[in-house]
Amino acid sequence: MSNGKVIQIRQARPDAEEMKYFWKLYSAAQRVEDRWCTNTVPGIADALADTELSREEKLFLLRAWQVLVDDRGGFGRHLGALDTYIHNIQDPNDGCVGYKPELKACLEDGLLFDVMCEAYAEAKTRIAELEARTVTLPPTFWYEHDDLPREIPVLSRRLVINALREAGVKIAAGIGVKG
């Protein structure tokens, strides 16, 4: 029989004021994001070249731009996940990472185990259903134009939407799609 040792670690988390500044940073990055170009670093690098900043400062600004504006590394996704965690799981009275008292009680009593097993089984069933689903798309036609160097394969948006709906895929109304 081995003797176990329990080590408790407290992990700090950002407070509400710090999270507010993270979201402000994310919003500022969204305002300068180029929706049509996934790599805007060369343009900002050219602008930084004419400054008195050191090489390290320029590199920092380029990396920050790349992560925030070009969304390399999924900063928004990580920020959203942290915010979701804090809202749903975190004890608001604890400055470190810790479960909400009501969630902690459920975990300690083992009340969530059956719920987790049921959710896992439902997810496995749904994944199997989705993997088994087949969608037959309409045939492709070729678009030709004198100004184009080659033919372009085209699918009719309406026919694709109809094929997806027939397969049971729910489609939300959007640009060019009627509910």
N, C-alpha and C. Protein backbone atom coordinates (compact mmCIF):
# COMPACT_ATOMS: atom_id res chain seq x y z
N MET A 1 0.84 -1.18 0.00
CA MET A 1 0.00 0.00 0.00
C MET A 1 0.89 1.24 0.00
N SER A 2 0.60 2.16 -0.90
CA SER A 2 1.42 3.37 -0.98
C SER A 2 0.78 4.50 -0.18
N ASN A 3 1.62 5.33 0.33
CA ASN A 3 1.13 6.50 1.05
C ASN A 3 0.98 7.64 0.05
N GLY A 4 -0.21 8.20 -0.01
CA GLY A 4 -0.46 9.29 -0.94
C GLY A 4 -0.23 10.63 -0.28
N LYS A 5 0.02 11.60 -1.09
CA LYS A 5 0.23 12.95 -0.58
C LYS A 5 -0.63 13.89 -1.41
N VAL A 6 -1.43 14.67 -0.77
CA VAL A 6 -2.30 15.62 -1.45
C VAL A 6 -1.64 16.99 -1.42
N ILE A 7 -1.51 17.57 -2.59
CA ILE A 7 -0.93 18.90 -2.70
C ILE A 7 -2.01 19.81 -3.29
N GLN A 8 -2.29 20.89 -2.61
CA GLN A 8 -3.30 21.82 -3.08
C GLN A 8 -2.61 23.05 -3.65
N ILE A 9 -3.02 23.41 -4.86
CA ILE A 9 -2.43 24.57 -5.54
C ILE A 9 -3.54 25.58 -5.81
N ARG A 10 -3.28 26.82 -5.51
CA ARG A 10 -4.24 27.88 -5.83
C ARG A 10 -3.73 28.64 -7.04
N GLN A 11 -4.56 28.72 -8.04
CA GLN A 11 -4.18 29.37 -9.29
C GLN A 11 -4.91 30.70 -9.39
N ALA A 12 -4.16 31.76 -9.61
CA ALA A 12 -4.77 33.09 -9.71
C ALA A 12 -5.58 33.20 -10.99
N ARG A 13 -6.57 34.05 -10.97
CA ARG A 13 -7.37 34.31 -12.16
C ARG A 13 -7.57 35.81 -12.29
N PRO A 14 -7.87 36.28 -13.52
CA PRO A 14 -8.09 37.72 -13.69
C PRO A 14 -9.37 38.17 -12.99
N ASP A 15 -9.34 39.38 -12.43
CA ASP A 15 -10.55 39.90 -11.81
C ASP A 15 -11.40 40.60 -12.87
N ALA A 16 -12.55 41.12 -12.47
CA ALA A 16 -13.50 41.73 -13.41
C ALA A 16 -12.88 42.92 -14.15
N GLU A 17 -12.10 43.72 -13.45
CA GLU A 17 -11.46 44.89 -14.08
C GLU A 17 -10.45 44.46 -15.13
N GLU A 18 -9.66 43.43 -14.83
CA GLU A 18 -8.69 42.92 -15.81
C GLU A 18 -9.39 42.33 -17.02
N MET A 19 -10.49 41.62 -16.80
CA MET A 19 -11.24 41.05 -17.92
C MET A 19 -11.82 42.16 -18.80
N LYS A 20 -12.24 43.25 -18.16
CA LYS A 20 -12.78 44.38 -18.92
C LYS A 20 -11.72 44.91 -19.88
N TYR A 21 -10.48 45.01 -19.42
CA TYR A 21 -9.41 45.50 -20.29
C TYR A 21 -9.05 44.50 -21.39
N PHE A 22 -9.12 43.20 -21.09
CA PHE A 22 -8.91 42.19 -22.14
C PHE A 22 -9.95 42.36 -23.24
N TRP A 23 -11.21 42.54 -22.84
CA TRP A 23 -12.27 42.70 -23.84
C TRP A 23 -12.12 44.01 -24.61
N LYS A 24 -11.66 45.07 -23.96
CA LYS A 24 -11.40 46.33 -24.68
C LYS A 24 -10.30 46.13 -25.72
N LEU A 25 -9.27 45.38 -25.34
CA LEU A 25 -8.18 45.08 -26.27
C LEU A 25 -8.71 44.28 -27.46
N TYR A 26 -9.53 43.28 -27.19
CA TYR A 26 -10.12 42.46 -28.25
C TYR A 26 -11.00 43.32 -29.17
N SER A 27 -11.82 44.21 -28.60
CA SER A 27 -12.68 45.08 -29.40
C SER A 27 -11.87 46.01 -30.27
N ALA A 28 -10.78 46.55 -29.73
CA ALA A 28 -9.92 47.43 -30.52
C ALA A 28 -9.31 46.66 -31.69
N ALA A 29 -8.91 45.42 -31.46
CA ALA A 29 -8.35 44.59 -32.53
C ALA A 29 -9.40 44.31 -33.60
N GLN A 30 -10.64 44.10 -33.19
CA GLN A 30 -11.71 43.84 -34.15
C GLN A 30 -11.95 45.04 -35.05
N ARG A 31 -11.77 46.24 -34.51
CA ARG A 31 -12.01 47.45 -35.31
C ARG A 31 -10.98 47.64 -36.42
N VAL A 32 -9.77 47.11 -36.24
CA VAL A 32 -8.74 47.28 -37.28
C VAL A 32 -8.54 46.02 -38.11
N GLU A 33 -9.31 44.98 -37.81
CA GLU A 33 -9.17 43.72 -38.56
C GLU A 33 -9.59 43.93 -40.02
N ASP A 34 -8.83 43.36 -40.93
CA ASP A 34 -9.15 43.41 -42.35
C ASP A 34 -9.88 42.11 -42.68
N ARG A 35 -11.17 42.21 -42.94
CA ARG A 35 -11.98 41.01 -43.17
C ARG A 35 -11.61 40.28 -44.46
N TRP A 36 -10.91 40.94 -45.37
CA TRP A 36 -10.62 40.34 -46.67
C TRP A 36 -9.19 39.84 -46.77
N CYS A 37 -8.37 40.16 -45.79
CA CYS A 37 -6.96 39.75 -45.85
C CYS A 37 -6.59 39.09 -44.53
N THR A 38 -6.09 37.86 -44.59
CA THR A 38 -5.77 37.15 -43.35
C THR A 38 -4.36 37.43 -42.85
N ASN A 39 -3.59 38.20 -43.58
CA ASN A 39 -2.24 38.54 -43.13
C ASN A 39 -1.99 40.02 -43.34
N THR A 40 -2.22 40.81 -42.30
CA THR A 40 -2.02 42.26 -42.39
C THR A 40 -0.70 42.69 -41.78
N VAL A 41 0.12 41.72 -41.36
CA VAL A 41 1.40 42.03 -40.71
C VAL A 41 2.35 42.80 -41.63
N PRO A 42 2.48 42.45 -42.92
CA PRO A 42 3.42 43.21 -43.76
C PRO A 42 3.13 44.71 -43.79
N GLY A 43 1.85 45.08 -43.81
CA GLY A 43 1.51 46.51 -43.83
C GLY A 43 1.91 47.21 -42.55
N ILE A 44 1.66 46.58 -41.42
CA ILE A 44 2.04 47.21 -40.15
C ILE A 44 3.55 47.18 -39.97
N ALA A 45 4.21 46.16 -40.51
CA ALA A 45 5.68 46.08 -40.43
C ALA A 45 6.30 47.24 -41.21
N ASP A 46 5.73 47.55 -42.37
CA ASP A 46 6.23 48.70 -43.14
C ASP A 46 6.04 50.00 -42.37
N ALA A 47 4.91 50.14 -41.69
CA ALA A 47 4.65 51.35 -40.92
C ALA A 47 5.61 51.46 -39.73
N LEU A 48 5.93 50.32 -39.11
CA LEU A 48 6.84 50.34 -37.96
C LEU A 48 8.30 50.55 -38.38
N ALA A 49 8.62 50.27 -39.62
CA ALA A 49 10.01 50.39 -40.09
C ALA A 49 10.51 51.83 -39.99
N ASP A 50 9.60 52.78 -40.12
CA ASP A 50 9.99 54.19 -40.11
C ASP A 50 9.92 54.82 -38.71
N THR A 51 9.94 54.00 -37.67
CA THR A 51 9.85 54.54 -36.31
C THR A 51 11.20 54.42 -35.61
N GLU A 52 11.30 55.05 -34.45
CA GLU A 52 12.52 55.00 -33.64
C GLU A 52 12.51 53.85 -32.64
N LEU A 53 11.58 52.93 -32.79
CA LEU A 53 11.47 51.81 -31.85
C LEU A 53 12.63 50.84 -32.02
N SER A 54 12.98 50.16 -30.94
CA SER A 54 14.03 49.15 -31.01
C SER A 54 13.50 47.92 -31.75
N ARG A 55 14.40 47.04 -32.13
CA ARG A 55 14.01 45.81 -32.84
C ARG A 55 13.06 44.98 -31.97
N GLU A 56 13.35 44.89 -30.67
CA GLU A 56 12.52 44.11 -29.76
C GLU A 56 11.12 44.71 -29.63
N GLU A 57 11.03 46.04 -29.57
CA GLU A 57 9.72 46.69 -29.48
C GLU A 57 8.91 46.46 -30.75
N LYS A 58 9.58 46.56 -31.90
CA LYS A 58 8.90 46.31 -33.17
C LYS A 58 8.41 44.87 -33.24
N LEU A 59 9.25 43.92 -32.83
CA LEU A 59 8.88 42.51 -32.85
C LEU A 59 7.68 42.26 -31.93
N PHE A 60 7.70 42.89 -30.75
CA PHE A 60 6.57 42.75 -29.83
C PHE A 60 5.27 43.25 -30.48
N LEU A 61 5.32 44.45 -31.07
CA LEU A 61 4.12 45.01 -31.69
C LEU A 61 3.64 44.16 -32.85
N LEU A 62 4.57 43.63 -33.64
CA LEU A 62 4.18 42.76 -34.76
C LEU A 62 3.52 41.47 -34.25
N ARG A 63 4.09 40.87 -33.21
CA ARG A 63 3.50 39.64 -32.66
C ARG A 63 2.12 39.92 -32.06
N ALA A 64 2.01 41.03 -31.33
CA ALA A 64 0.71 41.39 -30.75
C ALA A 64 -0.32 41.62 -31.85
N TRP A 65 0.08 42.32 -32.91
CA TRP A 65 -0.80 42.56 -34.05
C TRP A 65 -1.23 41.24 -34.68
N GLN A 66 -0.27 40.35 -34.86
CA GLN A 66 -0.55 39.05 -35.48
C GLN A 66 -1.55 38.25 -34.65
N VAL A 67 -1.39 38.24 -33.34
CA VAL A 67 -2.28 37.47 -32.47
C VAL A 67 -3.66 38.12 -32.36
N LEU A 68 -3.69 39.44 -32.21
CA LEU A 68 -4.95 40.12 -31.97
C LEU A 68 -5.73 40.43 -33.24
N VAL A 69 -5.07 41.00 -34.23
CA VAL A 69 -5.78 41.45 -35.43
C VAL A 69 -5.93 40.33 -36.45
N ASP A 70 -4.84 39.61 -36.73
CA ASP A 70 -4.91 38.52 -37.71
C ASP A 70 -5.43 37.23 -37.08
N ASP A 71 -5.71 37.25 -35.79
CA ASP A 71 -6.29 36.14 -35.04
C ASP A 71 -5.47 34.86 -35.13
N ARG A 72 -4.16 34.99 -35.09
CA ARG A 72 -3.30 33.81 -34.98
C ARG A 72 -3.31 33.39 -33.51
N GLY A 73 -3.59 32.17 -33.23
CA GLY A 73 -3.61 31.70 -31.86
C GLY A 73 -4.98 31.75 -31.21
N GLY A 74 -5.99 32.28 -31.89
CA GLY A 74 -7.35 32.25 -31.37
C GLY A 74 -7.56 33.03 -30.09
N PHE A 75 -7.03 34.26 -30.01
CA PHE A 75 -7.16 35.06 -28.80
C PHE A 75 -8.63 35.23 -28.39
N GLY A 76 -9.49 35.55 -29.35
CA GLY A 76 -10.91 35.74 -29.04
C GLY A 76 -11.55 34.48 -28.50
N ARG A 77 -11.18 33.33 -29.07
CA ARG A 77 -11.72 32.05 -28.61
C ARG A 77 -11.27 31.77 -27.18
N HIS A 78 -10.00 32.01 -26.89
CA HIS A 78 -9.48 31.79 -25.53
C HIS A 78 -10.13 32.75 -24.54
N LEU A 79 -10.30 33.99 -24.95
CA LEU A 79 -10.92 34.98 -24.07
C LEU A 79 -12.37 34.60 -23.78
N GLY A 80 -13.09 34.18 -24.82
CA GLY A 80 -14.48 33.74 -24.64
C GLY A 80 -14.58 32.52 -23.73
N ALA A 81 -13.64 31.58 -23.90
CA ALA A 81 -13.64 30.38 -23.06
C ALA A 81 -13.39 30.74 -21.60
N LEU A 82 -12.45 31.65 -21.36
CA LEU A 82 -12.16 32.06 -19.99
C LEU A 82 -13.37 32.76 -19.37
N ASP A 83 -14.00 33.65 -20.13
CA ASP A 83 -15.18 34.35 -19.64
C ASP A 83 -16.31 33.37 -19.34
N THR A 84 -16.51 32.38 -20.21
CA THR A 84 -17.54 31.36 -20.00
C THR A 84 -17.25 30.56 -18.75
N TYR A 85 -16.00 30.19 -18.57
CA TYR A 85 -15.59 29.45 -17.37
C TYR A 85 -15.89 30.26 -16.11
N ILE A 86 -15.48 31.52 -16.12
CA ILE A 86 -15.67 32.37 -14.94
C ILE A 86 -17.16 32.52 -14.64
N HIS A 87 -17.97 32.72 -15.66
CA HIS A 87 -19.41 32.92 -15.46
C HIS A 87 -20.11 31.66 -14.95
N ASN A 88 -19.77 30.51 -15.51
CA ASN A 88 -20.50 29.28 -15.21
C ASN A 88 -19.94 28.46 -14.05
N ILE A 89 -18.65 28.52 -13.81
CA ILE A 89 -18.02 27.62 -12.85
C ILE A 89 -17.39 28.33 -11.67
N GLN A 90 -16.81 29.48 -11.90
CA GLN A 90 -16.00 30.16 -10.90
C GLN A 90 -16.81 30.71 -9.73
N ASP A 91 -16.29 30.51 -8.53
CA ASP A 91 -16.85 31.10 -7.31
C ASP A 91 -16.50 32.59 -7.33
N PRO A 92 -17.50 33.49 -7.40
CA PRO A 92 -17.21 34.92 -7.50
C PRO A 92 -16.53 35.49 -6.25
N ASN A 93 -16.62 34.80 -5.12
CA ASN A 93 -16.01 35.28 -3.88
C ASN A 93 -14.59 34.79 -3.69
N ASP A 94 -14.07 34.03 -4.63
CA ASP A 94 -12.72 33.46 -4.52
C ASP A 94 -11.82 34.16 -5.54
N GLY A 95 -10.74 34.75 -5.08
CA GLY A 95 -9.81 35.43 -5.97
C GLY A 95 -8.98 34.49 -6.82
N CYS A 96 -9.01 33.22 -6.48
CA CYS A 96 -8.28 32.20 -7.25
C CYS A 96 -9.29 31.29 -7.94
N VAL A 97 -8.78 30.38 -8.76
CA VAL A 97 -9.65 29.45 -9.46
C VAL A 97 -10.31 28.53 -8.44
N GLY A 98 -11.62 28.50 -8.42
CA GLY A 98 -12.36 27.65 -7.50
C GLY A 98 -13.80 27.50 -7.96
N TYR A 99 -14.40 26.34 -7.69
CA TYR A 99 -15.78 26.08 -8.10
C TYR A 99 -16.77 26.91 -7.30
N LYS A 100 -17.90 27.24 -7.93
CA LYS A 100 -19.00 27.86 -7.22
C LYS A 100 -19.43 26.89 -6.12
N PRO A 101 -19.87 27.39 -4.96
CA PRO A 101 -20.24 26.50 -3.85
C PRO A 101 -21.29 25.46 -4.24
N GLU A 102 -22.31 25.86 -5.01
CA GLU A 102 -23.36 24.90 -5.37
C GLU A 102 -22.83 23.83 -6.33
N LEU A 103 -21.91 24.20 -7.21
CA LEU A 103 -21.30 23.22 -8.12
C LEU A 103 -20.37 22.29 -7.35
N LYS A 104 -19.62 22.86 -6.41
CA LYS A 104 -18.71 22.06 -5.59
C LYS A 104 -19.48 21.01 -4.79
N ALA A 105 -20.64 21.41 -4.24
CA ALA A 105 -21.46 20.47 -3.46
C ALA A 105 -21.95 19.33 -4.35
N CYS A 106 -22.38 19.66 -5.57
CA CYS A 106 -22.85 18.61 -6.50
C CYS A 106 -21.72 17.66 -6.86
N LEU A 107 -20.53 18.20 -7.09
CA LEU A 107 -19.38 17.35 -7.43
C LEU A 107 -19.00 16.45 -6.27
N GLU A 108 -18.97 17.02 -5.08
CA GLU A 108 -18.59 16.24 -3.90
C GLU A 108 -19.60 15.15 -3.58
N ASP A 109 -20.87 15.41 -3.85
CA ASP A 109 -21.92 14.42 -3.57
C ASP A 109 -22.04 13.39 -4.69
N GLY A 110 -21.31 13.60 -5.79
CA GLY A 110 -21.39 12.66 -6.91
C GLY A 110 -22.65 12.81 -7.72
N LEU A 111 -23.36 13.92 -7.57
CA LEU A 111 -24.64 14.10 -8.25
C LEU A 111 -24.48 14.35 -9.75
N LEU A 112 -23.33 14.81 -10.18
CA LEU A 112 -23.15 15.13 -11.59
C LEU A 112 -22.67 13.94 -12.42
N PHE A 113 -22.26 12.85 -11.79
CA PHE A 113 -21.71 11.73 -12.53
C PHE A 113 -22.73 11.15 -13.51
N ASP A 114 -23.96 10.92 -13.05
CA ASP A 114 -25.00 10.37 -13.94
C ASP A 114 -25.32 11.34 -15.07
N VAL A 115 -25.36 12.63 -14.76
CA VAL A 115 -25.62 13.64 -15.78
C VAL A 115 -24.52 13.64 -16.83
N MET A 116 -23.26 13.55 -16.39
CA MET A 116 -22.13 13.52 -17.31
C MET A 116 -22.18 12.27 -18.19
N CYS A 117 -22.50 11.12 -17.60
CA CYS A 117 -22.59 9.87 -18.38
C CYS A 117 -23.69 9.96 -19.42
N GLU A 118 -24.83 10.53 -19.04
CA GLU A 118 -25.95 10.67 -19.97
C GLU A 118 -25.59 11.63 -21.11
N ALA A 119 -24.97 12.75 -20.79
CA ALA A 119 -24.56 13.72 -21.82
C ALA A 119 -23.54 13.10 -22.76
N TYR A 120 -22.62 12.32 -22.22
CA TYR A 120 -21.61 11.66 -23.04
C TYR A 120 -22.25 10.66 -24.00
N ALA A 121 -23.20 9.88 -23.50
CA ALA A 121 -23.89 8.90 -24.35
C ALA A 121 -24.69 9.60 -25.45
N GLU A 122 -25.38 10.69 -25.10
CA GLU A 122 -26.13 11.45 -26.10
C GLU A 122 -25.20 12.03 -27.16
N ALA A 123 -24.06 12.54 -26.75
CA ALA A 123 -23.10 13.11 -27.70
C ALA A 123 -22.57 12.04 -28.64
N LYS A 124 -22.25 10.86 -28.11
CA LYS A 124 -21.76 9.77 -28.96
C LYS A 124 -22.82 9.36 -29.98
N THR A 125 -24.07 9.28 -29.55
CA THR A 125 -25.17 8.93 -30.46
C THR A 125 -25.32 9.98 -31.54
N ARG A 126 -25.29 11.25 -31.14
CA ARG A 126 -25.46 12.34 -32.12
C ARG A 126 -24.30 12.37 -33.11
N ILE A 127 -23.09 12.14 -32.65
CA ILE A 127 -21.93 12.10 -33.55
C ILE A 127 -22.09 10.97 -34.56
N ALA A 128 -22.54 9.80 -34.10
CA ALA A 128 -22.76 8.68 -35.01
C ALA A 128 -23.83 9.01 -36.05
N GLU A 129 -24.91 9.70 -35.62
CA GLU A 129 -25.96 10.11 -36.56
C GLU A 129 -25.41 11.06 -37.61
N LEU A 130 -24.63 12.04 -37.18
CA LEU A 130 -24.08 13.02 -38.12
C LEU A 130 -23.08 12.39 -39.07
N GLU A 131 -22.25 11.47 -38.56
CA GLU A 131 -21.28 10.82 -39.43
C GLU A 131 -21.95 9.91 -40.44
N ALA A 132 -23.12 9.37 -40.11
CA ALA A 132 -23.83 8.48 -41.02
C ALA A 132 -24.64 9.25 -42.07
N ARG A 133 -24.88 10.51 -41.84
CA ARG A 133 -25.70 11.32 -42.75
C ARG A 133 -24.96 11.54 -44.07
N THR A 134 -25.70 11.40 -45.16
CA THR A 134 -25.14 11.64 -46.49
C THR A 134 -25.95 12.74 -47.16
N VAL A 135 -25.28 13.70 -47.72
CA VAL A 135 -25.93 14.77 -48.46
C VAL A 135 -25.50 14.64 -49.91
N THR A 136 -26.47 14.50 -50.80
CA THR A 136 -26.17 14.43 -52.23
C THR A 136 -26.31 15.84 -52.79
N LEU A 137 -25.19 16.40 -53.19
CA LEU A 137 -25.19 17.76 -53.72
C LEU A 137 -25.58 17.74 -55.20
N PRO A 138 -26.12 18.85 -55.69
CA PRO A 138 -26.49 18.92 -57.11
C PRO A 138 -25.24 18.91 -57.98
N PRO A 139 -25.42 18.61 -59.26
CA PRO A 139 -24.26 18.57 -60.15
C PRO A 139 -23.64 19.96 -60.33
N THR A 140 -22.36 19.96 -60.60
CA THR A 140 -21.63 21.20 -60.83
C THR A 140 -21.78 21.60 -62.29
N PHE A 141 -21.91 22.91 -62.54
CA PHE A 141 -21.85 23.36 -63.92
C PHE A 141 -20.66 24.31 -64.04
N TRP A 142 -20.23 24.55 -65.24
CA TRP A 142 -19.01 25.32 -65.47
C TRP A 142 -19.35 26.69 -66.02
N TYR A 143 -18.76 27.70 -65.40
CA TYR A 143 -18.98 29.08 -65.81
C TYR A 143 -17.83 29.50 -66.72
N GLU A 144 -18.19 29.99 -67.91
CA GLU A 144 -17.16 30.46 -68.84
C GLU A 144 -17.41 31.93 -69.14
N HIS A 145 -16.33 32.66 -69.27
CA HIS A 145 -16.42 34.06 -69.63
C HIS A 145 -15.15 34.44 -70.37
N ASP A 146 -15.27 35.33 -71.34
CA ASP A 146 -14.12 35.70 -72.16
C ASP A 146 -12.99 36.33 -71.34
N ASP A 147 -13.32 37.03 -70.25
CA ASP A 147 -12.30 37.70 -69.44
C ASP A 147 -11.58 36.76 -68.48
N LEU A 148 -12.06 35.53 -68.35
CA LEU A 148 -11.45 34.60 -67.41
C LEU A 148 -10.50 33.65 -68.13
N PRO A 149 -9.34 33.36 -67.54
CA PRO A 149 -8.37 32.47 -68.19
C PRO A 149 -8.79 31.00 -68.17
N ARG A 150 -9.76 30.65 -67.32
CA ARG A 150 -10.18 29.25 -67.24
C ARG A 150 -11.65 29.18 -66.85
N GLU A 151 -12.22 27.99 -66.97
CA GLU A 151 -13.60 27.78 -66.54
C GLU A 151 -13.64 27.67 -65.01
N ILE A 152 -14.73 28.08 -64.43
CA ILE A 152 -14.88 28.04 -62.98
C ILE A 152 -16.05 27.12 -62.63
N PRO A 153 -15.82 26.12 -61.76
CA PRO A 153 -16.94 25.26 -61.35
C PRO A 153 -17.87 26.03 -60.41
N VAL A 154 -19.18 25.90 -60.63
CA VAL A 154 -20.16 26.65 -59.87
C VAL A 154 -21.28 25.70 -59.42
N LEU A 155 -21.71 25.87 -58.19
CA LEU A 155 -22.89 25.17 -57.69
C LEU A 155 -23.99 26.19 -57.49
N SER A 156 -25.20 25.83 -57.82
CA SER A 156 -26.33 26.72 -57.58
C SER A 156 -26.61 26.77 -56.08
N ARG A 157 -26.57 27.96 -55.51
CA ARG A 157 -26.80 28.11 -54.07
C ARG A 157 -28.16 27.56 -53.67
N ARG A 158 -29.17 27.86 -54.48
CA ARG A 158 -30.53 27.39 -54.19
C ARG A 158 -30.59 25.87 -54.17
N LEU A 159 -29.95 25.22 -55.16
CA LEU A 159 -29.97 23.76 -55.22
C LEU A 159 -29.20 23.13 -54.06
N VAL A 160 -28.10 23.75 -53.66
CA VAL A 160 -27.33 23.23 -52.52
C VAL A 160 -28.15 23.35 -51.24
N ILE A 161 -28.80 24.50 -51.05
CA ILE A 161 -29.63 24.70 -49.86
C ILE A 161 -30.76 23.69 -49.82
N ASN A 162 -31.40 23.46 -50.96
CA ASN A 162 -32.48 22.47 -51.01
C ASN A 162 -31.97 21.07 -50.68
N ALA A 163 -30.79 20.71 -51.21
CA ALA A 163 -30.22 19.38 -50.94
C ALA A 163 -29.91 19.22 -49.45
N LEU A 164 -29.37 20.27 -48.83
CA LEU A 164 -29.07 20.21 -47.40
C LEU A 164 -30.34 20.09 -46.57
N ARG A 165 -31.37 20.85 -46.95
CA ARG A 165 -32.63 20.76 -46.21
C ARG A 165 -33.27 19.38 -46.35
N GLU A 166 -33.20 18.80 -47.56
CA GLU A 166 -33.75 17.46 -47.76
C GLU A 166 -33.03 16.43 -46.90
N ALA A 167 -31.75 16.66 -46.61
CA ALA A 167 -30.98 15.74 -45.78
C ALA A 167 -31.22 15.99 -44.28
N GLY A 168 -32.04 17.00 -43.98
CA GLY A 168 -32.35 17.27 -42.58
C GLY A 168 -31.44 18.27 -41.91
N VAL A 169 -30.63 18.99 -42.70
CA VAL A 169 -29.74 19.99 -42.13
C VAL A 169 -30.52 21.29 -42.01
N LYS A 170 -30.55 21.84 -40.80
CA LYS A 170 -31.26 23.10 -40.56
C LYS A 170 -30.37 24.25 -41.03
N ILE A 171 -30.94 25.15 -41.81
CA ILE A 171 -30.17 26.27 -42.37
C ILE A 171 -30.78 27.57 -41.87
N ALA A 172 -29.95 28.38 -41.24
CA ALA A 172 -30.41 29.67 -40.74
C ALA A 172 -30.47 30.66 -41.90
N ALA A 173 -31.42 31.57 -41.82
CA ALA A 173 -31.54 32.58 -42.86
C ALA A 173 -30.34 33.51 -42.80
N GLY A 174 -29.83 33.87 -43.92
CA GLY A 174 -28.67 34.75 -44.00
C GLY A 174 -28.71 35.48 -45.32
N ILE A 175 -27.58 35.95 -45.77
CA ILE A 175 -27.51 36.66 -47.03
C ILE A 175 -27.87 35.70 -48.16
N GLY A 176 -28.89 36.02 -48.88
CA GLY A 176 -29.29 35.20 -50.03
C GLY A 176 -30.02 33.92 -49.65
N VAL A 177 -30.34 33.74 -48.37
CA VAL A 177 -31.05 32.53 -47.94
C VAL A 177 -32.34 32.96 -47.28
N LYS A 178 -33.43 32.43 -47.77
CA LYS A 178 -34.73 32.73 -47.17
C LYS A 178 -35.09 31.61 -46.22
N GLY A 179 -35.49 32.00 -44.99
CA GLY A 179 -35.83 31.03 -43.95
C GLY A 179 -36.83 30.05 -44.40
